[in-house]
C-alpha atoms as a PDB file:
ATOM      1  CA  MET A   1       0.000   0.000   0.000  1.00  0.00           C
ATOM      2  CA  THR A   2       1.293   3.458  -0.859  1.00  0.00           C
ATOM      3  CA  ASP A   3       1.250   6.208   1.740  1.00  0.00           C
ATOM      4  CA  ARG A   4       0.213   9.550   0.227  1.00  0.00           C
ATOM      5  CA  THR A   5       0.129  13.029   1.691  1.00  0.00           C
ATOM      6  CA  PRO A   6      -3.133  13.814   3.492  1.00  0.00           C
ATOM      7  CA  ASP A   7      -3.287  17.264   1.937  1.00  0.00           C
ATOM      8  CA  GLY A   8      -4.159  15.891  -1.476  1.00  0.00           C
ATOM      9  CA  GLY A   9      -0.757  16.644  -2.940  1.00  0.00           C
ATOM     10  CA  GLY A  10      -0.424  13.069  -4.114  1.00  0.00           C
ATOM     11  CA  SER A  11       3.317  12.763  -3.498  1.00  0.00           C
ATOM     12  CA  ALA A  12       4.089   9.096  -2.959  1.00  0.00           C
ATOM     13  CA  HIS A  13       6.313   7.757  -0.196  1.00  0.00           C
ATOM     14  CA  ARG A  14       7.606   4.316   0.672  1.00  0.00           C
ATOM     15  CA  SER A  15       4.948   1.696   1.291  1.00  0.00           C
ATOM     16  CA  ARG A  16       3.801   1.421   4.858  1.00  0.00           C
ATOM     17  CA  THR A  17       5.152  -2.109   5.062  1.00  0.00           C
ATOM     18  CA  SER A  18       8.683  -0.802   4.420  1.00  0.00           C
ATOM     19  CA  LEU A  19       8.628   1.647   7.316  1.00  0.00           C
ATOM     20  CA  SER A  20      10.946   0.738  10.145  1.00  0.00           C
ATOM     21  CA  GLY A  21       9.950   0.760  13.786  1.00  0.00           C
ATOM     22  CA  LYS A  22      11.861   4.009  14.306  1.00  0.00           C
ATOM     23  CA  LYS A  23       9.864   7.125  15.161  1.00  0.00           C
ATOM     24  CA  ILE A  24      10.901  10.779  14.979  1.00  0.00           C
ATOM     25  CA  GLY A  25       9.048  13.381  17.029  1.00  0.00           C
ATOM     26  CA  PHE A  26       8.579  16.876  15.597  1.00  0.00           C
ATOM     27  CA  PHE A  27       7.965  19.706  18.083  1.00  0.00           C
ATOM     28  CA  VAL A  28       6.181  22.692  16.529  1.00  0.00           C
ATOM     29  CA  HIS A  29       4.176  25.675  17.789  1.00  0.00           C
ATOM     30  CA  ASN A  30       1.291  25.025  15.382  1.00  0.00           C
ATOM     31  CA  ILE A  31       0.530  23.500  11.991  1.00  0.00           C
ATOM     32  CA  HIS A  32      -2.123  25.964  10.847  1.00  0.00           C
ATOM     33  CA  ASP A  33       0.068  28.882   9.726  1.00  0.00           C
ATOM     34  CA  ASP A  34       2.402  29.416   6.802  1.00  0.00           C
ATOM     35  CA  TYR A  35       5.476  28.862   8.967  1.00  0.00           C
ATOM     36  CA  GLY A  36       4.783  25.751  11.009  1.00  0.00           C
ATOM     37  CA  PHE A  37       2.769  23.814   8.430  1.00  0.00           C
ATOM     38  CA  PRO A  38       5.383  23.752   5.620  1.00  0.00           C
ATOM     39  CA  LEU A  39       8.067  22.790   8.153  1.00  0.00           C
ATOM     40  CA  TRP A  40       5.952  19.885   9.360  1.00  0.00           C
ATOM     41  CA  LEU A  41       5.229  18.758   5.791  1.00  0.00           C
ATOM     42  CA  GLY A  42       8.927  18.840   4.940  1.00  0.00           C
ATOM     43  CA  ALA A  43       9.913  16.931   8.067  1.00  0.00           C
ATOM     44  CA  ARG A  44       7.135  14.403   7.556  1.00  0.00           C
ATOM     45  CA  ASP A  45       8.039  13.756   3.927  1.00  0.00           C
ATOM     46  CA  ALA A  46      11.753  13.446   4.717  1.00  0.00           C
ATOM     47  CA  ALA A  47      11.052  10.980   7.524  1.00  0.00           C
ATOM     48  CA  LEU A  48       8.832   8.825   5.330  1.00  0.00           C
ATOM     49  CA  GLU A  49      11.418   8.831   2.558  1.00  0.00           C
ATOM     50  CA  GLU A  50      13.903   7.420   5.060  1.00  0.00           C
ATOM     51  CA  GLY A  51      11.450   4.788   6.233  1.00  0.00           C
ATOM     52  CA  VAL A  52      10.925   6.463   9.618  1.00  0.00           C
ATOM     53  CA  ARG A  53       7.545   7.206  11.178  1.00  0.00           C
ATOM     54  CA  PRO A  54       7.012  10.948  11.914  1.00  0.00           C
ATOM     55  CA  ILE A  55       4.978  12.043  14.934  1.00  0.00           C
ATOM     56  CA  CYS A  56       3.896  15.677  15.283  1.00  0.00           C
ATOM     57  CA  PHE A  57       3.767  17.178  18.782  1.00  0.00           C
ATOM     58  CA  CYS A  58       1.881  20.436  18.219  1.00  0.00           C
ATOM     59  CA  GLY A  59       1.991  22.775  21.216  1.00  0.00           C
ATOM     60  CA  GLY A  60       2.923  26.451  21.301  1.00  0.00           C
ATOM     61  CA  ASP A  61       5.566  28.953  22.382  1.00  0.00           C
ATOM     62  CA  LEU A  62       7.459  27.859  25.457  1.00  0.00           C
ATOM     63  CA  GLY A  63       7.116  30.071  28.498  1.00  0.00           C
ATOM     64  CA  GLY A  64       3.614  31.221  27.695  1.00  0.00           C
ATOM     65  CA  ASN A  65       1.877  28.842  30.134  1.00  0.00           C
ATOM     66  CA  LEU A  66      -0.161  27.526  27.228  1.00  0.00           C
ATOM     67  CA  PRO A  67      -2.298  24.456  28.005  1.00  0.00           C
ATOM     68  CA  ALA A  68      -1.342  23.048  24.594  1.00  0.00           C
ATOM     69  CA  ASN A  69       2.284  22.717  25.704  1.00  0.00           C
ATOM     70  CA  ILE A  70       1.377  19.684  27.782  1.00  0.00           C
ATOM     71  CA  VAL A  71       1.649  17.733  24.533  1.00  0.00           C
ATOM     72  CA  PHE A  72       5.439  18.175  24.641  1.00  0.00           C
ATOM     73  CA  GLU A  73       5.509  16.246  27.903  1.00  0.00           C
ATOM     74  CA  GLN A  74       4.146  13.194  26.105  1.00  0.00           C
ATOM     75  CA  ALA A  75       7.348  12.685  24.102  1.00  0.00           C
ATOM     76  CA  GLY A  76      10.146  10.540  25.449  1.00  0.00           C
ATOM     77  CA  LYS A  77      12.339   7.498  24.906  1.00  0.00           C
ATOM     78  CA  ASP A  78       9.322   5.205  25.276  1.00  0.00           C
ATOM     79  CA  ASN A  79       7.579   6.501  22.144  1.00  0.00           C
ATOM     80  CA  VAL A  80      10.180   8.227  19.934  1.00  0.00           C
ATOM     81  CA  ASP A  81      13.741   7.521  18.831  1.00  0.00           C
ATOM     82  CA  GLY A  82      14.711  11.127  18.150  1.00  0.00           C
ATOM     83  CA  LEU A  83      13.342  14.674  18.200  1.00  0.00           C
ATOM     84  CA  VAL A  84      13.353  17.723  15.932  1.00  0.00           C
ATOM     85  CA  PHE A  85      12.508  21.118  17.470  1.00  0.00           C
ATOM     86  CA  VAL A  86      11.260  24.222  15.635  1.00  0.00           C
ATOM     87  CA  GLY A  87      13.407  26.321  17.924  1.00  0.00           C
ATOM     88  CA  GLY A  88      12.968  29.682  16.221  1.00  0.00           C
ATOM     89  CA  ILE A  89       9.374  29.988  17.384  1.00  0.00           C
ATOM     90  CA  MET A  90       9.468  27.869  20.521  1.00  0.00           C
ATOM     91  CA  CYS A  91      12.038  30.119  22.219  1.00  0.00           C
ATOM     92  CA  ASN A  92      10.393  33.456  21.318  1.00  0.00           C
ATOM     93  CA  ARG A  93       9.342  34.209  24.885  1.00  0.00           C
ATOM     94  CA  ILE A  94      12.028  32.432  26.891  1.00  0.00           C
ATOM     95  CA  GLY A  95      15.291  33.059  25.028  1.00  0.00           C
ATOM     96  CA  VAL A  96      17.932  30.705  23.712  1.00  0.00           C
ATOM     97  CA  ASP A  97      19.483  29.797  27.079  1.00  0.00           C
ATOM     98  CA  ALA A  98      16.168  28.708  28.587  1.00  0.00           C
ATOM     99  CA  TYR A  99      15.315  26.855  25.373  1.00  0.00           C
ATOM    100  CA  ALA A 100      18.617  24.965  25.564  1.00  0.00           C
ATOM    101  CA  ARG A 101      17.918  24.014  29.182  1.00  0.00           C
ATOM    102  CA  TYR A 102      14.402  22.911  28.292  1.00  0.00           C
ATOM    103  CA  ILE A 103      15.396  20.394  25.653  1.00  0.00           C
ATOM    104  CA  GLU A 104      18.075  18.876  27.889  1.00  0.00           C
ATOM    105  CA  ARG A 105      15.254  16.914  29.544  1.00  0.00           C
ATOM    106  CA  TYR A 106      14.983  14.790  26.406  1.00  0.00           C
ATOM    107  CA  ARG A 107      18.523  13.462  26.478  1.00  0.00           C
ATOM    108  CA  PRO A 108      19.900  10.947  25.638  1.00  0.00           C
ATOM    109  CA  LEU A 109      17.583  10.986  22.601  1.00  0.00           C
ATOM    110  CA  PRO A 110      19.205  12.228  19.372  1.00  0.00           C
ATOM    111  CA  MET A 111      17.970  15.771  18.709  1.00  0.00           C
ATOM    112  CA  ALA A 112      18.094  18.474  16.037  1.00  0.00           C
ATOM    113  CA  SER A 113      17.108  22.146  16.194  1.00  0.00           C
ATOM    114  CA  ILE A 114      15.674  24.325  13.438  1.00  0.00           C
ATOM    115  CA  VAL A 115      17.160  27.866  13.194  1.00  0.00           C
ATOM    116  CA  VAL A 116      18.517  27.973  16.755  1.00  0.00           C
ATOM    117  CA  PRO A 117      22.139  26.752  16.926  1.00  0.00           C
ATOM    118  CA  LEU A 118      22.943  24.856  20.111  1.00  0.00           C
ATOM    119  CA  PRO A 119      26.258  23.296  21.210  1.00  0.00           C
ATOM    120  CA  GLY A 120      26.433  19.601  20.438  1.00  0.00           C
ATOM    121  CA  ILE A 121      23.085  19.527  18.613  1.00  0.00           C
ATOM    122  CA  PRO A 122      22.770  19.610  14.798  1.00  0.00           C
ATOM    123  CA  SER A 123      20.992  22.766  13.665  1.00  0.00           C
ATOM    124  CA  VAL A 124      19.373  23.700  10.360  1.00  0.00           C
ATOM    125  CA  MET A 125      19.700  27.402   9.550  1.00  0.00           C
ATOM    126  CA  GLY A 126      17.884  29.579   7.024  1.00  0.00           C
ATOM    127  CA  GLU A 127      19.410  32.251   4.784  1.00  0.00           C
ATOM    128  CA  ASN A 128      18.425  35.077   7.117  1.00  0.00           C
ATOM    129  CA  GLU A 129      21.305  37.425   6.395  1.00  0.00           C
ATOM    130  CA  GLN A 130      21.389  36.911   2.645  1.00  0.00           C
ATOM    131  CA  GLY A 131      17.614  37.228   2.298  1.00  0.00           C
ATOM    132  CA  THR A 132      17.572  40.463   4.278  1.00  0.00           C
ATOM    133  CA  ARG A 133      20.482  41.861   2.290  1.00  0.00           C
ATOM    134  CA  GLU A 134      18.671  41.169  -0.979  1.00  0.00           C
ATOM    135  CA  ALA A 135      15.445  42.756   0.277  1.00  0.00           C
ATOM    136  CA  ILE A 136      17.100  45.961   1.500  1.00  0.00           C
ATOM    137  CA  THR A 137      19.248  46.228  -1.613  1.00  0.00           C
ATOM    138  CA  HIS A 138      16.130  45.863  -3.762  1.00  0.00           C
ATOM    139  CA  LEU A 139      14.355  48.668  -1.899  1.00  0.00           C
ATOM    140  CA  VAL A 140      17.334  50.975  -2.334  1.00  0.00           C
ATOM    141  CA  LYS A 141      18.484  50.170  -5.854  1.00  0.00           C
ATOM    142  CA  ALA A 142      15.231  49.218  -7.583  1.00  0.00           C
ATOM    143  CA  HIS A 143      12.913  51.693  -5.841  1.00  0.00           C
ATOM    144  CA  GLY A 144      15.242  54.461  -4.715  1.00  0.00           C
ATOM    145  CA  ARG A 145      14.257  54.202  -1.058  1.00  0.00           C
ATOM    146  CA  LYS A 146      16.570  55.967   1.390  1.00  0.00           C
ATOM    147  CA  ARG A 147      14.778  55.841   4.746  1.00  0.00           C
ATOM    148  CA  ILE A 148      13.755  52.269   5.461  1.00  0.00           C
ATOM    149  CA  VAL A 149      12.170  51.364   8.777  1.00  0.00           C
ATOM    150  CA  PHE A 150      12.718  47.949  10.314  1.00  0.00           C
ATOM    151  CA  VAL A 151       9.842  46.158  12.077  1.00  0.00           C
ATOM    152  CA  ALA A 152      11.658  43.929  14.546  1.00  0.00           C
ATOM    153  CA  GLY A 153      10.864  40.434  15.765  1.00  0.00           C
ATOM    154  CA  PRO A 154      11.333  38.982  19.274  1.00  0.00           C
ATOM    155  CA  LYS A 155      14.501  40.150  21.032  1.00  0.00           C
ATOM    156  CA  ASP A 156      15.487  36.585  21.974  1.00  0.00           C
ATOM    157  CA  ASN A 157      14.776  35.083  18.556  1.00  0.00           C
ATOM    158  CA  ASN A 158      17.926  34.106  16.659  1.00  0.00           C
ATOM    159  CA  GLU A 159      16.429  34.664  13.204  1.00  0.00           C
ATOM    160  CA  ALA A 160      14.982  38.049  14.128  1.00  0.00           C
ATOM    161  CA  ASN A 161      18.347  39.203  15.432  1.00  0.00           C
ATOM    162  CA  LEU A 162      20.189  38.000  12.328  1.00  0.00           C
ATOM    163  CA  ARG A 163      17.742  39.913  10.144  1.00  0.00           C
ATOM    164  CA  LEU A 164      18.227  43.071  12.192  1.00  0.00           C
ATOM    165  CA  LEU A 165      22.014  42.812  12.004  1.00  0.00           C
ATOM    166  CA  SER A 166      21.867  42.252   8.256  1.00  0.00           C
ATOM    167  CA  TYR A 167      19.533  45.250   7.836  1.00  0.00           C
ATOM    168  CA  GLN A 168      22.032  47.472   9.647  1.00  0.00           C
ATOM    169  CA  ARG A 169      25.041  46.048   7.831  1.00  0.00           C
ATOM    170  CA  THR A 170      23.415  46.360   4.406  1.00  0.00           C
ATOM    171  CA  LEU A 171      22.465  49.993   4.948  1.00  0.00           C
ATOM    172  CA  ARG A 172      26.080  50.788   5.797  1.00  0.00           C
ATOM    173  CA  GLU A 173      27.318  48.885   2.754  1.00  0.00           C
ATOM    174  CA  LEU A 174      24.967  50.957   0.593  1.00  0.00           C
ATOM    175  CA  GLY A 175      26.211  54.196   2.123  1.00  0.00           C
ATOM    176  CA  LEU A 176      23.057  54.903   4.127  1.00  0.00           C
ATOM    177  CA  PRO A 177      23.005  55.809   7.832  1.00  0.00           C
ATOM    178  CA  VAL A 178      21.612  53.469  10.474  1.00  0.00           C
ATOM    179  CA  ASP A 179      19.021  55.518  12.350  1.00  0.00           C
ATOM    180  CA  GLU A 180      17.859  53.838  15.563  1.00  0.00           C
ATOM    181  CA  ALA A 181      14.622  55.833  15.333  1.00  0.00           C
ATOM    182  CA  LEU A 182      13.774  53.751  12.265  1.00  0.00           C
ATOM    183  CA  ILE A 183      13.996  50.462  14.188  1.00  0.00           C
ATOM    184  CA  SER A 184      10.887  49.385  16.078  1.00  0.00           C
ATOM    185  CA  GLU A 185      10.679  47.886  19.533  1.00  0.00           C
ATOM    186  CA  PRO A 186      10.868  44.057  19.545  1.00  0.00           C
ATOM    187  CA  GLY A 187       7.651  42.360  18.425  1.00  0.00           C
ATOM    188  CA  TYR A 188       6.320  38.808  18.293  1.00  0.00           C
ATOM    189  CA  PHE A 189       6.010  38.043  14.575  1.00  0.00           C
ATOM    190  CA  ASP A 190       2.260  38.741  14.781  1.00  0.00           C
ATOM    191  CA  ASP A 191      -0.192  41.216  13.259  1.00  0.00           C
ATOM    192  CA  ALA A 192      -0.377  43.297  16.427  1.00  0.00           C
ATOM    193  CA  SER A 193       3.379  43.894  16.318  1.00  0.00           C
ATOM    194  CA  GLY A 194       3.142  45.255  12.789  1.00  0.00           C
ATOM    195  CA  ARG A 195       0.386  47.664  13.769  1.00  0.00           C
ATOM    196  CA  ARG A 196       2.196  48.806  16.908  1.00  0.00           C
ATOM    197  CA  ALA A 197       5.296  49.530  14.850  1.00  0.00           C
ATOM    198  CA  ILE A 198       3.383  51.914  12.588  1.00  0.00           C
ATOM    199  CA  GLU A 199       1.903  53.685  15.611  1.00  0.00           C
ATOM    200  CA  LEU A 200       5.404  53.996  17.065  1.00  0.00           C
ATOM    201  CA  PHE A 201       6.952  55.405  13.893  1.00  0.00           C
ATOM    202  CA  LEU A 202       4.151  57.798  12.929  1.00  0.00           C
ATOM    203  CA  ASP A 203       2.460  58.794  16.193  1.00  0.00           C
ATOM    204  CA  THR A 204       5.216  58.585  18.800  1.00  0.00           C
ATOM    205  CA  ARG A 205       8.489  59.158  16.983  1.00  0.00           C
ATOM    206  CA  LYS A 206       6.941  61.014  14.022  1.00  0.00           C
ATOM    207  CA  VAL A 207       9.665  59.829  11.651  1.00  0.00           C
ATOM    208  CA  LYS A 208       9.591  60.097   7.884  1.00  0.00           C
ATOM    209  CA  PHE A 209      10.235  56.934   5.871  1.00  0.00           C
ATOM    210  CA  ASP A 210       9.740  55.697   2.330  1.00  0.00           C
ATOM    211  CA  GLY A 211      10.449  51.987   2.788  1.00  0.00           C
ATOM    212  CA  LEU A 212       9.573  49.303   5.320  1.00  0.00           C
ATOM    213  CA  PHE A 213      11.189  45.947   5.947  1.00  0.00           C
ATOM    214  CA  ALA A 214       9.561  43.612   8.473  1.00  0.00           C
ATOM    215  CA  ALA A 215      11.215  40.606  10.095  1.00  0.00           C
ATOM    216  CA  ASN A 216       8.341  38.427   8.913  1.00  0.00           C
ATOM    217  CA  ASP A 217       5.380  38.562   6.548  1.00  0.00           C
ATOM    218  CA  ASN A 218       2.671  38.737   9.219  1.00  0.00           C
ATOM    219  CA  MET A 219       4.085  41.991  10.562  1.00  0.00           C
ATOM    220  CA  ALA A 220       4.689  43.350   7.066  1.00  0.00           C
ATOM    221  CA  ILE A 221       1.089  42.783   5.989  1.00  0.00           C
ATOM    222  CA  ALA A 222      -0.336  44.290   9.186  1.00  0.00           C
ATOM    223  CA  ALA A 223       1.970  47.297   8.851  1.00  0.00           C
ATOM    224  CA  MET A 224       0.916  47.751   5.234  1.00  0.00           C
ATOM    225  CA  GLU A 225      -2.764  47.636   6.205  1.00  0.00           C
ATOM    226  CA  SER A 226      -2.139  50.263   8.886  1.00  0.00           C
ATOM    227  CA  LEU A 227      -0.436  52.533   6.375  1.00  0.00           C
ATOM    228  CA  LEU A 228      -3.316  52.178   3.930  1.00  0.00           C
ATOM    229  CA  GLU A 229      -5.845  52.928   6.682  1.00  0.00           C
ATOM    230  CA  ARG A 230      -3.991  56.198   7.271  1.00  0.00           C
ATOM    231  CA  GLY A 231      -4.261  57.130   3.616  1.00  0.00           C
ATOM    232  CA  ILE A 232      -0.597  56.419   2.850  1.00  0.00           C
ATOM    233  CA  ASP A 233      -0.043  55.054  -0.645  1.00  0.00           C
ATOM    234  CA  VAL A 234       1.621  51.627  -0.690  1.00  0.00           C
ATOM    235  CA  PRO A 235       3.824  51.216  -2.678  1.00  0.00           C
ATOM    236  CA  GLY A 236       3.696  54.750  -4.069  1.00  0.00           C
ATOM    237  CA  GLU A 237       4.828  56.523  -0.915  1.00  0.00           C
ATOM    238  CA  VAL A 238       6.141  53.556   1.074  1.00  0.00           C
ATOM    239  CA  SER A 239       7.474  50.284  -0.335  1.00  0.00           C
ATOM    240  CA  VAL A 240       6.915  47.256   1.927  1.00  0.00           C
ATOM    241  CA  ILE A 241       8.802  43.954   2.110  1.00  0.00           C
ATOM    242  CA  GLY A 242       8.502  41.112   4.616  1.00  0.00           C
ATOM    243  CA  PHE A 243      10.553  38.006   5.304  1.00  0.00           C
ATOM    244  CA  ASP A 244       9.530  34.305   5.004  1.00  0.00           C
ATOM    245  CA  ASP A 245       7.734  34.222   1.619  1.00  0.00           C
ATOM    246  CA  GLN A 246       4.549  32.959   3.243  1.00  0.00           C
ATOM    247  CA  THR A 247       1.736  31.956   0.900  1.00  0.00           C
ATOM    248  CA  VAL A 248      -0.477  34.858   1.998  1.00  0.00           C
ATOM    249  CA  SER A 249       2.175  37.381   0.967  1.00  0.00           C
ATOM    250  CA  ARG A 250       1.921  36.270  -2.661  1.00  0.00           C
ATOM    251  CA  TYR A 251      -1.702  37.400  -2.773  1.00  0.00           C
ATOM    252  CA  THR A 252      -1.273  40.666  -0.888  1.00  0.00           C
ATOM    253  CA  THR A 253      -1.160  43.954  -2.785  1.00  0.00           C
END
């Protein structure tokens, strides 16, 4: 019997009878957004291709006292042979050090971390710096933008910090000043953070800007909506770019 993806994609995997008894647990904050769901699909497909059974443990951010996080306590050496953690989101509210301490409870299981490098644990990293560099360069060279605000992600999130550093570095490389007034307070990769950033820039700091780069697409879209609600022409007056290439961003104008 052939195992096919439940989403109707029709991609075939090994037959169920060829799957080994090995099981890999996948810790993720959710599987209903454009960040967690593709990661789960990729991990699931890769596990099946290797003849390993994937198990999704879907909880939430660590440190938020979320009832859903009890699901993470169900994983252990009795039901999985290894674990993969979506660390970039899971440590948003607790920081890397607390995240590292948290996953120690699962030793001696083999473990891997996505986007949060940890000593002695394999980590898979995205192209955060290169992607940010390309986005900022595009705003400057293709659209002539000179004052680009940065909508920041969580202060303890590794990816958010890499994107901020690359934003600052790229501006300097392009001969533009780094103005701290154009960098928002840390957010949480959500719509509310994008809206708060616009309020901060326009109502509190009253800064002028002609470009906006957000550390993820959710914040970029919310910021864009806030600008439009204020009668600001996007992209005529302000060009907007977000990070992650989420599906929703492809249909947002």
